[in-house]
C-alpha atoms as a PDB file:
ATOM      1  CA  MET A   1      89.222 -15.251  76.569  1.00  0.00           C
ATOM      2  CA  GLN A   2      91.917 -12.693  75.794  1.00  0.00           C
ATOM      3  CA  THR A   3      92.344  -9.586  77.884  1.00  0.00           C
ATOM      4  CA  PRO A   4      92.444  -6.417  75.911  1.00  0.00           C
ATOM      5  CA  ARG A   5      95.860  -4.767  75.879  1.00  0.00           C
ATOM      6  CA  ALA A   6      96.196  -1.237  77.121  1.00  0.00           C
ATOM      7  CA  ALA A   7      97.229   1.315  74.540  1.00  0.00           C
ATOM      8  CA  ALA A   8     100.875   2.131  74.508  1.00  0.00           C
ATOM      9  CA  PRO A   9     101.730   5.225  76.591  1.00  0.00           C
ATOM     10  CA  GLU A  10     102.546   8.394  74.726  1.00  0.00           C
ATOM     11  CA  PRO A  11     105.819  10.146  75.185  1.00  0.00           C
ATOM     12  CA  THR A  12     105.527  12.584  78.021  1.00  0.00           C
ATOM     13  CA  GLY A  13     108.174  15.168  77.285  1.00  0.00           C
ATOM     14  CA  ALA A  14     108.902  15.058  81.021  1.00  0.00           C
ATOM     15  CA  PRO A  15     110.687  18.256  82.081  1.00  0.00           C
ATOM     16  CA  GLU A  16     113.244  16.492  84.271  1.00  0.00           C
ATOM     17  CA  PRO A  17     115.302  13.406  83.586  1.00  0.00           C
ATOM     18  CA  PRO A  18     113.747  10.635  85.630  1.00  0.00           C
ATOM     19  CA  SER A  19     116.787   8.503  86.349  1.00  0.00           C
ATOM     20  CA  PRO A  20     120.322   8.768  87.669  1.00  0.00           C
ATOM     21  CA  SER A  21     121.829   7.775  84.299  1.00  0.00           C
ATOM     22  CA  ALA A  22     120.084  10.742  82.699  1.00  0.00           C
ATOM     23  CA  SER A  23     122.161  13.074  84.784  1.00  0.00           C
ATOM     24  CA  ARG A  24     125.196  11.942  82.758  1.00  0.00           C
ATOM     25  CA  ALA A  25     123.747  13.876  79.762  1.00  0.00           C
ATOM     26  CA  GLN A  26     125.302  17.226  79.054  1.00  0.00           C
ATOM     27  CA  ARG A  27     123.059  20.006  80.131  1.00  0.00           C
ATOM     28  CA  GLY A  28     123.361  23.741  80.374  1.00  0.00           C
ATOM     29  CA  THR A  29     122.934  26.507  77.834  1.00  0.00           C
ATOM     30  CA  PRO A  30     122.821  25.092  74.316  1.00  0.00           C
ATOM     31  CA  SER A  31     125.198  26.474  71.748  1.00  0.00           C
ATOM     32  CA  PRO A  32     123.755  28.844  69.098  1.00  0.00           C
ATOM     33  CA  ASP A  33     124.127  25.988  66.570  1.00  0.00           C
ATOM     34  CA  GLU A  34     122.234  23.528  68.794  1.00  0.00           C
ATOM     35  CA  HIS A  35     119.496  26.079  69.303  1.00  0.00           C
ATOM     36  CA  THR A  36     119.117  26.619  65.497  1.00  0.00           C
ATOM     37  CA  TRP A  37     119.307  22.898  64.721  1.00  0.00           C
ATOM     38  CA  MET A  38     116.581  22.162  67.257  1.00  0.00           C
ATOM     39  CA  GLY A  39     114.437  24.839  65.622  1.00  0.00           C
ATOM     40  CA  LEU A  40     114.744  22.878  62.355  1.00  0.00           C
ATOM     41  CA  ALA A  41     113.774  19.678  64.168  1.00  0.00           C
ATOM     42  CA  LEU A  42     110.804  21.489  65.632  1.00  0.00           C
ATOM     43  CA  ASP A  43     109.769  22.625  62.165  1.00  0.00           C
ATOM     44  CA  ALA A  44     109.972  18.993  61.010  1.00  0.00           C
ATOM     45  CA  ALA A  45     107.939  17.840  64.036  1.00  0.00           C
ATOM     46  CA  ARG A  46     105.156  20.253  63.123  1.00  0.00           C
ATOM     47  CA  ARG A  47     104.942  18.701  59.662  1.00  0.00           C
ATOM     48  CA  ALA A  48     104.129  15.310  61.236  1.00  0.00           C
ATOM     49  CA  GLU A  49     100.853  16.647  62.608  1.00  0.00           C
ATOM     50  CA  ALA A  50      99.426  17.026  59.080  1.00  0.00           C
ATOM     51  CA  SER A  51      99.268  13.232  58.897  1.00  0.00           C
ATOM     52  CA  GLN A  52      98.123  12.800  62.537  1.00  0.00           C
ATOM     53  CA  ASP A  53     101.589  11.526  63.449  1.00  0.00           C
ATOM     54  CA  VAL A  54     103.141  12.211  66.799  1.00  0.00           C
ATOM     55  CA  PRO A  55     105.023  15.524  66.322  1.00  0.00           C
ATOM     56  CA  ILE A  56     108.575  14.412  66.510  1.00  0.00           C
ATOM     57  CA  GLY A  57     111.189  15.818  64.173  1.00  0.00           C
ATOM     58  CA  ALA A  58     114.901  15.135  63.535  1.00  0.00           C
ATOM     59  CA  VAL A  59     117.793  16.606  61.576  1.00  0.00           C
ATOM     60  CA  VAL A  60     121.231  15.189  60.893  1.00  0.00           C
ATOM     61  CA  VAL A  61     124.110  17.626  60.914  1.00  0.00           C
ATOM     62  CA  ASP A  62     127.527  16.781  59.389  1.00  0.00           C
ATOM     63  CA  GLY A  63     130.927  17.540  60.878  1.00  0.00           C
ATOM     64  CA  GLN A  64     130.982  20.979  59.199  1.00  0.00           C
ATOM     65  CA  GLY A  65     127.679  21.943  60.881  1.00  0.00           C
ATOM     66  CA  GLU A  66     125.581  21.582  57.757  1.00  0.00           C
ATOM     67  CA  VAL A  67     122.140  20.018  57.954  1.00  0.00           C
ATOM     68  CA  ILE A  68     122.209  17.026  55.512  1.00  0.00           C
ATOM     69  CA  ALA A  69     118.824  15.454  56.315  1.00  0.00           C
ATOM     70  CA  SER A  70     115.544  16.252  57.985  1.00  0.00           C
ATOM     71  CA  ALA A  71     112.563  14.029  58.797  1.00  0.00           C
ATOM     72  CA  CYS A  72     109.412  13.735  60.914  1.00  0.00           C
ATOM     73  CA  ASN A  73     107.479  10.797  62.220  1.00  0.00           C
ATOM     74  CA  GLU A  74     105.596   9.032  59.387  1.00  0.00           C
ATOM     75  CA  ARG A  75     104.186   5.967  61.170  1.00  0.00           C
ATOM     76  CA  GLU A  76     100.527   6.918  60.463  1.00  0.00           C
ATOM     77  CA  ALA A  77     101.277   8.265  56.992  1.00  0.00           C
ATOM     78  CA  THR A  78     103.072   5.121  55.873  1.00  0.00           C
ATOM     79  CA  ASP A  79     101.579   2.451  58.171  1.00  0.00           C
ATOM     80  CA  ASP A  80     105.175   1.621  59.130  1.00  0.00           C
ATOM     81  CA  PRO A  81     105.861   1.169  62.859  1.00  0.00           C
ATOM     82  CA  THR A  82     109.605   1.863  62.244  1.00  0.00           C
ATOM     83  CA  ALA A  83     109.060   5.211  60.519  1.00  0.00           C
ATOM     84  CA  HIS A  84     110.292   7.222  63.417  1.00  0.00           C
ATOM     85  CA  ALA A  85     111.801  10.637  62.669  1.00  0.00           C
ATOM     86  CA  GLU A  86     115.292   9.536  63.779  1.00  0.00           C
ATOM     87  CA  VAL A  87     115.360   6.446  61.608  1.00  0.00           C
ATOM     88  CA  LEU A  88     114.106   8.354  58.581  1.00  0.00           C
ATOM     89  CA  ALA A  89     116.557  11.180  59.106  1.00  0.00           C
ATOM     90  CA  LEU A  90     119.494   8.688  59.414  1.00  0.00           C
ATOM     91  CA  ARG A  91     118.379   6.948  56.208  1.00  0.00           C
ATOM     92  CA  ALA A  92     118.076  10.338  54.396  1.00  0.00           C
ATOM     93  CA  ALA A  93     121.543  11.347  55.611  1.00  0.00           C
ATOM     94  CA  VAL A  94     123.124   8.171  54.275  1.00  0.00           C
ATOM     95  CA  ARG A  95     121.355   8.708  50.909  1.00  0.00           C
ATOM     96  CA  ALA A  96     122.524  12.341  50.834  1.00  0.00           C
ATOM     97  CA  ARG A  97     126.072  11.295  51.416  1.00  0.00           C
ATOM     98  CA  ARG A  98     125.908   8.567  48.834  1.00  0.00           C
ATOM     99  CA  ASP A  99     124.626  11.091  46.296  1.00  0.00           C
ATOM    100  CA  HIS A 100     127.773  13.133  47.024  1.00  0.00           C
ATOM    101  CA  GLU A 101     130.038  10.099  46.945  1.00  0.00           C
ATOM    102  CA  HIS A 102     130.980  10.333  50.554  1.00  0.00           C
ATOM    103  CA  ALA A 103     133.611   7.729  51.452  1.00  0.00           C
ATOM    104  CA  ASP A 104     131.991   6.531  54.707  1.00  0.00           C
ATOM    105  CA  GLY A 105     128.906   5.016  53.177  1.00  0.00           C
ATOM    106  CA  TRP A 106     126.413   4.163  55.864  1.00  0.00           C
ATOM    107  CA  ARG A 107     128.651   5.347  58.708  1.00  0.00           C
ATOM    108  CA  LEU A 108     127.681   8.733  60.049  1.00  0.00           C
ATOM    109  CA  ALA A 109     130.782   8.945  62.221  1.00  0.00           C
ATOM    110  CA  ASP A 110     131.098  12.754  61.974  1.00  0.00           C
ATOM    111  CA  CYS A 111     127.398  13.573  62.354  1.00  0.00           C
ATOM    112  CA  THR A 112     125.084  14.789  65.137  1.00  0.00           C
ATOM    113  CA  LEU A 113     121.457  13.638  65.347  1.00  0.00           C
ATOM    114  CA  VAL A 114     119.214  16.408  66.639  1.00  0.00           C
ATOM    115  CA  VAL A 115     115.689  15.286  67.677  1.00  0.00           C
ATOM    116  CA  THR A 116     112.778  16.861  69.567  1.00  0.00           C
ATOM    117  CA  LEU A 117     112.249  13.909  71.861  1.00  0.00           C
ATOM    118  CA  GLU A 118     114.682  11.548  73.572  1.00  0.00           C
ATOM    119  CA  PRO A 119     115.109   8.572  71.224  1.00  0.00           C
ATOM    120  CA  CYS A 120     113.436   5.245  71.960  1.00  0.00           C
ATOM    121  CA  PRO A 121     115.411   1.925  72.093  1.00  0.00           C
ATOM    122  CA  MET A 122     114.890   1.275  68.318  1.00  0.00           C
ATOM    123  CA  CYS A 123     116.215   4.749  67.347  1.00  0.00           C
ATOM    124  CA  ALA A 124     119.020   4.517  69.870  1.00  0.00           C
ATOM    125  CA  GLY A 125     120.036   1.206  68.296  1.00  0.00           C
ATOM    126  CA  ALA A 126     119.910   2.806  64.827  1.00  0.00           C
ATOM    127  CA  MET A 127     122.223   5.544  66.005  1.00  0.00           C
ATOM    128  CA  LEU A 128     124.772   2.994  67.347  1.00  0.00           C
ATOM    129  CA  LEU A 129     124.597   0.979  64.105  1.00  0.00           C
ATOM    130  CA  ALA A 130     125.109   4.155  62.020  1.00  0.00           C
ATOM    131  CA  ARG A 131     128.089   5.102  64.265  1.00  0.00           C
ATOM    132  CA  VAL A 132     126.548   8.493  65.076  1.00  0.00           C
ATOM    133  CA  PRO A 133     128.857   9.945  67.795  1.00  0.00           C
ATOM    134  CA  ARG A 134     126.442  12.510  69.233  1.00  0.00           C
ATOM    135  CA  VAL A 135     122.696  13.062  69.882  1.00  0.00           C
ATOM    136  CA  VAL A 136     121.119  16.287  70.880  1.00  0.00           C
ATOM    137  CA  PHE A 137     117.494  16.095  71.971  1.00  0.00           C
ATOM    138  CA  GLY A 138     114.814  18.330  73.393  1.00  0.00           C
ATOM    139  CA  ALA A 139     112.287  16.721  75.723  1.00  0.00           C
ATOM    140  CA  TRP A 140     113.036  13.731  77.953  1.00  0.00           C
ATOM    141  CA  ASP A 141     110.846  10.657  77.411  1.00  0.00           C
ATOM    142  CA  ALA A 142     109.997   9.169  80.820  1.00  0.00           C
ATOM    143  CA  LYS A 143     108.091   6.274  79.189  1.00  0.00           C
ATOM    144  CA  ALA A 144     110.450   5.006  76.486  1.00  0.00           C
ATOM    145  CA  GLY A 145     113.591   7.076  76.502  1.00  0.00           C
ATOM    146  CA  ALA A 146     116.745   5.187  75.719  1.00  0.00           C
ATOM    147  CA  CYS A 147     119.396   7.935  76.141  1.00  0.00           C
ATOM    148  CA  GLY A 148     119.338   8.095  79.947  1.00  0.00           C
ATOM    149  CA  SER A 149     115.861   8.363  81.294  1.00  0.00           C
ATOM    150  CA  VAL A 150     114.410   4.847  81.151  1.00  0.00           C
ATOM    151  CA  LEU A 151     117.232   3.071  79.511  1.00  0.00           C
ATOM    152  CA  ASP A 152     120.769   4.115  78.489  1.00  0.00           C
ATOM    153  CA  VAL A 153     121.240   2.143  75.262  1.00  0.00           C
ATOM    154  CA  VAL A 154     123.576   4.648  73.647  1.00  0.00           C
ATOM    155  CA  ARG A 155     126.096   4.568  76.550  1.00  0.00           C
ATOM    156  CA  GLU A 156     126.042   0.836  77.224  1.00  0.00           C
ATOM    157  CA  PRO A 157     129.698  -0.032  77.618  1.00  0.00           C
ATOM    158  CA  ARG A 158     129.274  -3.628  76.213  1.00  0.00           C
ATOM    159  CA  PHE A 159     128.528  -2.220  72.790  1.00  0.00           C
ATOM    160  CA  ASN A 160     131.354  -1.357  70.371  1.00  0.00           C
ATOM    161  CA  HIS A 161     130.178   2.232  70.015  1.00  0.00           C
ATOM    162  CA  THR A 162     128.751   4.779  72.384  1.00  0.00           C
ATOM    163  CA  VAL A 163     127.036   8.111  71.785  1.00  0.00           C
ATOM    164  CA  GLU A 164     127.599  11.465  73.581  1.00  0.00           C
ATOM    165  CA  VAL A 165     124.226  12.699  74.876  1.00  0.00           C
ATOM    166  CA  ARG A 166     123.069  16.310  75.126  1.00  0.00           C
ATOM    167  CA  GLY A 167     119.546  16.538  76.519  1.00  0.00           C
ATOM    168  CA  GLY A 168     117.113  19.298  77.287  1.00  0.00           C
ATOM    169  CA  VAL A 169     117.829  21.650  74.327  1.00  0.00           C
ATOM    170  CA  ARG A 170     114.709  23.866  73.859  1.00  0.00           C
ATOM    171  CA  GLU A 171     113.052  21.352  76.148  1.00  0.00           C
ATOM    172  CA  ALA A 172     109.987  23.428  77.086  1.00  0.00           C
ATOM    173  CA  GLU A 173     109.090  24.017  73.366  1.00  0.00           C
ATOM    174  CA  CYS A 174     109.556  20.353  72.451  1.00  0.00           C
ATOM    175  CA  ALA A 175     107.552  19.069  75.463  1.00  0.00           C
ATOM    176  CA  ALA A 176     104.771  21.627  74.817  1.00  0.00           C
ATOM    177  CA  LEU A 177     104.382  20.505  71.243  1.00  0.00           C
ATOM    178  CA  LEU A 178     103.806  16.892  72.384  1.00  0.00           C
ATOM    179  CA  ARG A 179     101.473  17.843  75.299  1.00  0.00           C
ATOM    180  CA  GLU A 180      99.331  20.000  73.040  1.00  0.00           C
ATOM    181  CA  PHE A 181      99.136  17.242  70.372  1.00  0.00           C
ATOM    182  CA  PHE A 182      97.942  14.597  72.849  1.00  0.00           C
ATOM    183  CA  ALA A 183      95.562  17.030  74.493  1.00  0.00           C
ATOM    184  CA  ARG A 184      93.879  17.671  71.182  1.00  0.00           C
ATOM    185  CA  ARG A 185      93.713  13.909  70.482  1.00  0.00           C
ATOM    186  CA  ARG A 186      92.052  13.255  73.723  1.00  0.00           C
ATOM    187  CA  GLY A 187      89.683  16.170  73.178  1.00  0.00           C
END
């Protein structure tokens, strides 16, 4: 007889980084650009709720500070477990660059990924593979974060590439969006 599996825990949007490695993330007052970009990621996150997806949003910003892609979670909408906001935004950024005949192809080496929740291991791996040099996120994820809270995939020295981490940008807003979503789901 098989034992039923427990449902996967939801992201918590924990207000404080839960591990020592999280303290290596840049903190402090976000720049005006980071504040604006996170606002765009929050707008994308709110779009996810229409399809009952967890409200996580992401934008990709190029080296000139221009937003070149935006996405929200679409796992429920597409029945695709890999349709996380970060992965979709990275894919859209590569397509946008290809459409403009950008020389780097799939490499996003001058871009910043801005996301409302600390990326999970899959999304952290996607950032590494896309050569994204910097991630800015809002809420910490004490259950599955891979940028310093639970794991530190993006700064693992054995990989060929590492990512600069800036956590806690508009943290309270990002965490509240998640808490309210899960409170409504649990009714």
